[in-house]
Protein backbone atom coordinates (compact mmCIF):
# COMPACT_ATOMS: atom_id res chain seq x y z
CA MET A 1 0.00 0.00 0.00
CA THR A 2 1.44 3.37 -1.00
CA GLU A 3 1.39 6.35 1.31
CA GLU A 4 -0.68 9.26 0.02
CA GLU A 5 1.07 12.49 -0.96
CA HIS A 6 0.36 15.48 1.30
CA LEU A 7 0.50 19.22 0.76
CA THR A 8 1.29 21.97 3.21
CA LEU A 9 -1.48 24.41 4.07
CA ARG A 10 0.14 27.03 1.78
CA GLU A 11 0.41 24.55 -1.13
CA ALA A 12 -3.21 23.47 -0.71
CA ALA A 13 -4.36 27.10 -0.55
CA ASP A 14 -2.43 27.90 -3.73
CA ALA A 15 -3.88 24.90 -5.54
CA LEU A 16 -7.42 25.85 -4.47
CA GLY A 17 -6.89 29.49 -5.30
CA ILE A 18 -7.68 30.71 -1.79
CA SER A 19 -5.72 32.43 0.93
CA GLU A 20 -3.88 30.47 3.59
CA VAL A 21 -6.23 31.98 6.19
CA SER A 22 -9.26 30.64 4.27
CA ALA A 23 -7.62 27.22 3.95
CA ARG A 24 -7.05 27.14 7.72
CA ARG A 25 -10.73 28.06 8.26
CA TRP A 26 -11.79 25.29 5.88
CA VAL A 27 -9.68 22.78 7.81
CA LYS A 28 -11.10 23.89 11.17
CA SER A 29 -14.68 23.75 9.85
CA GLY A 30 -14.15 20.28 8.34
CA LYS A 31 -14.62 21.45 4.75
CA LEU A 32 -11.03 20.44 3.95
CA THR A 33 -9.54 17.23 5.32
CA ALA A 34 -6.19 17.57 7.07
CA ALA A 35 -3.88 15.85 9.50
CA GLN A 36 -2.07 17.84 12.16
CA PRO A 37 1.12 16.09 13.25
CA GLY A 38 2.48 18.73 15.59
CA ARG A 39 1.74 22.38 14.87
CA ARG A 40 1.30 22.32 11.10
CA TYR A 41 -1.41 20.90 8.86
CA LEU A 42 -0.84 18.32 6.16
CA ILE A 43 -3.58 18.09 3.56
CA PRO A 44 -3.99 14.92 1.49
CA LYS A 45 -3.54 15.72 -2.19
CA SER A 46 -6.70 13.69 -2.89
CA ALA A 47 -8.72 16.08 -0.66
CA VAL A 48 -7.59 19.03 -2.74
CA GLU A 49 -8.30 17.20 -6.01
CA LYS A 50 -11.76 16.28 -4.72
CA MET A 51 -12.52 19.95 -4.03
CA LEU A 52 -11.26 20.90 -7.49
CA ALA A 53 -13.39 18.25 -9.24
CA PRO A 54 -16.55 20.41 -9.45
CA ARG A 55 -14.43 23.05 -11.22
CA GLY A 56 -13.30 20.55 -13.82
CA GLY A 57 -10.13 19.73 -11.92
CA ARG A 58 -8.59 23.10 -12.78
CA LEU A 59 -5.74 24.01 -10.55
CA ASP A 60 -5.22 27.48 -9.22
CA PRO A 61 -5.70 30.04 -11.98
CA ALA A 62 -2.44 31.62 -10.79
CA GLY A 63 -1.07 31.86 -14.30
CA VAL A 64 -3.92 34.21 -15.14
CA LEU A 65 -3.82 35.99 -11.82
CA ARG A 66 -0.10 36.53 -11.70
CA GLU A 67 -0.12 34.96 -8.28
CA ALA A 68 2.97 36.75 -7.02
CA GLU A 69 1.34 40.16 -7.30
CA LEU A 70 -1.90 39.19 -5.60
CA ARG A 71 -0.29 37.20 -2.82
CA ALA A 72 2.25 39.88 -2.03
CA GLU A 73 1.52 42.89 0.11
CA SER A 74 -1.93 44.43 -0.32
CA GLU A 75 -0.28 47.62 -1.45
CA GLN A 76 0.88 45.91 -4.64
CA LEU A 77 -2.72 45.48 -5.77
CA LEU A 78 -2.84 49.23 -6.20
CA GLU A 79 -0.07 49.04 -8.79
CA LEU A 80 -2.22 47.04 -11.22
CA ASP A 81 -3.80 48.91 -14.11
CA THR A 82 -7.61 49.12 -13.71
CA GLU A 83 -8.28 47.19 -16.92
CA GLU A 84 -5.66 44.59 -16.00
CA PHE A 85 -7.20 44.20 -12.53
CA ALA A 86 -10.74 43.92 -13.94
CA ALA A 87 -9.56 41.30 -16.45
CA LEU A 88 -8.25 39.13 -13.59
CA LEU A 89 -11.54 39.06 -11.68
CA PRO A 90 -13.50 36.60 -13.91
CA ALA A 91 -10.81 33.97 -13.34
CA LEU A 92 -11.37 34.11 -9.58
CA GLY A 93 -13.76 31.91 -7.66
CA VAL A 94 -16.25 33.51 -5.31
CA GLY A 95 -14.09 32.59 -2.29
CA GLN A 96 -11.12 34.38 -3.82
CA LEU A 97 -13.27 37.41 -4.63
CA ILE A 98 -14.46 37.57 -1.03
CA ASP A 99 -10.86 37.27 0.22
CA LEU A 100 -9.82 40.06 -2.14
CA GLN A 101 -12.74 42.20 -0.98
CA ALA A 102 -11.67 41.74 2.64
CA GLN A 103 -8.04 42.50 1.81
CA LEU A 104 -8.94 45.76 0.06
CA ALA A 105 -11.45 46.75 2.76
CA LEU A 106 -8.79 46.27 5.45
CA LEU A 107 -6.31 48.26 3.40
CA LEU A 108 -8.81 51.11 3.13
CA ARG A 109 -9.70 51.00 6.79
CA TYR A 110 -6.26 50.76 8.34
CA ARG A 111 -3.90 52.30 5.79
CA TYR A 112 -6.04 54.91 4.08
CA GLY A 113 -8.75 55.40 6.68
CA PRO A 114 -10.22 58.59 8.12
CA LYS A 115 -7.83 61.46 8.73
CA ILE A 116 -7.89 64.27 11.26
CA PHE A 117 -6.54 67.64 10.17
CA ASP A 118 -5.73 70.65 12.31
CA THR A 119 -5.29 73.24 9.58
CA GLN A 120 -6.54 74.02 6.11
CA GLU A 121 -2.97 73.66 4.86
CA GLU A 122 -2.90 70.06 6.07
CA ILE A 123 -6.15 69.38 4.22
CA LEU A 124 -4.85 70.91 1.01
CA ALA A 125 -1.57 69.02 1.30
CA TYR A 126 -3.44 65.75 1.79
CA MET A 127 -5.77 66.40 -1.16
CA GLY A 128 -2.79 66.45 -3.51
CA SER A 129 -0.90 63.63 -1.82
CA GLU A 130 0.01 60.19 -3.09
CA GLU A 131 -1.61 58.74 0.03
CA LYS A 132 -4.99 60.16 -1.02
CA GLU A 133 -4.53 58.88 -4.58
CA ARG A 134 -3.70 55.39 -3.30
CA GLY A 135 -6.72 55.42 -0.97
CA ASP A 136 -8.96 56.45 -3.87
CA ARG A 137 -7.40 53.69 -5.97
CA ALA A 138 -8.08 51.08 -3.25
CA GLY A 139 -11.71 52.24 -3.18
CA GLU A 140 -11.97 51.98 -6.96
CA LEU A 141 -10.59 48.41 -6.97
CA LEU A 142 -12.86 47.45 -4.09
CA GLY A 143 -15.81 48.65 -6.15
CA LEU A 144 -14.74 46.42 -9.05
CA VAL A 145 -14.49 43.41 -6.72
CA ILE A 146 -17.93 44.09 -5.26
CA LYS A 147 -19.42 44.29 -8.77
CA ALA A 148 -17.74 40.96 -9.64
CA ILE A 149 -19.25 39.35 -6.51
CA GLU A 150 -22.67 40.76 -7.41
CA ALA A 151 -22.35 39.41 -10.95
CA TRP A 152 -21.40 35.97 -9.58
CA ALA A 153 -24.37 36.03 -7.16
CA ASN A 154 -26.78 37.04 -9.94
CA ALA A 155 -25.49 34.32 -12.27
CA ASP A 156 -25.72 31.74 -9.47
CA SER A 157 -29.27 32.83 -8.63
CA GLU A 158 -30.33 32.64 -12.27
CA ALA A 159 -28.78 29.18 -12.62
CA ARG A 160 -30.59 27.96 -9.50
CA THR A 161 -33.89 29.42 -10.69
CA LYS A 162 -33.46 27.80 -14.10
CA ALA A 163 -32.62 24.45 -12.50
CA LEU A 164 -35.86 24.59 -10.50
CA GLU A 165 -38.06 25.33 -13.51
CA PRO A 166 -40.09 22.41 -14.80
CA ALA A 167 -38.73 20.89 -18.00
């Protein structure tokens, strides 16, 4: 009997096209099978393949997503051209879209959140600053992600409605 191949939590997350945090949540909720010898999780490769089966067995669409950019610091998302960013969204699953939404929302809240100014000069300086431009950019990208999630939800709802219609 051969021993099954296992993946680390990061490898499984990459293959499923989700964040490592989401993969850990899936393991804890029982959605993703894993062994925990010690402090780290080992995920059977067959468990990952089973989850990919409904998607036609496609592995992580990282080639389309340019994985390195999206997995790097949140700030790097702001460097993507709007059209380039929007073109990446259809390749994402709804879980990835929700993770991306959370990432951008946190970026807006903690990095580019509300400001307190003491003088009009400070306000004017901020209005022309790169920080304001990057905050606006994060908001613009967040809007695109929200629209993509809405489009997915509408398509899913239509598919469910159609499936329930009598033949």
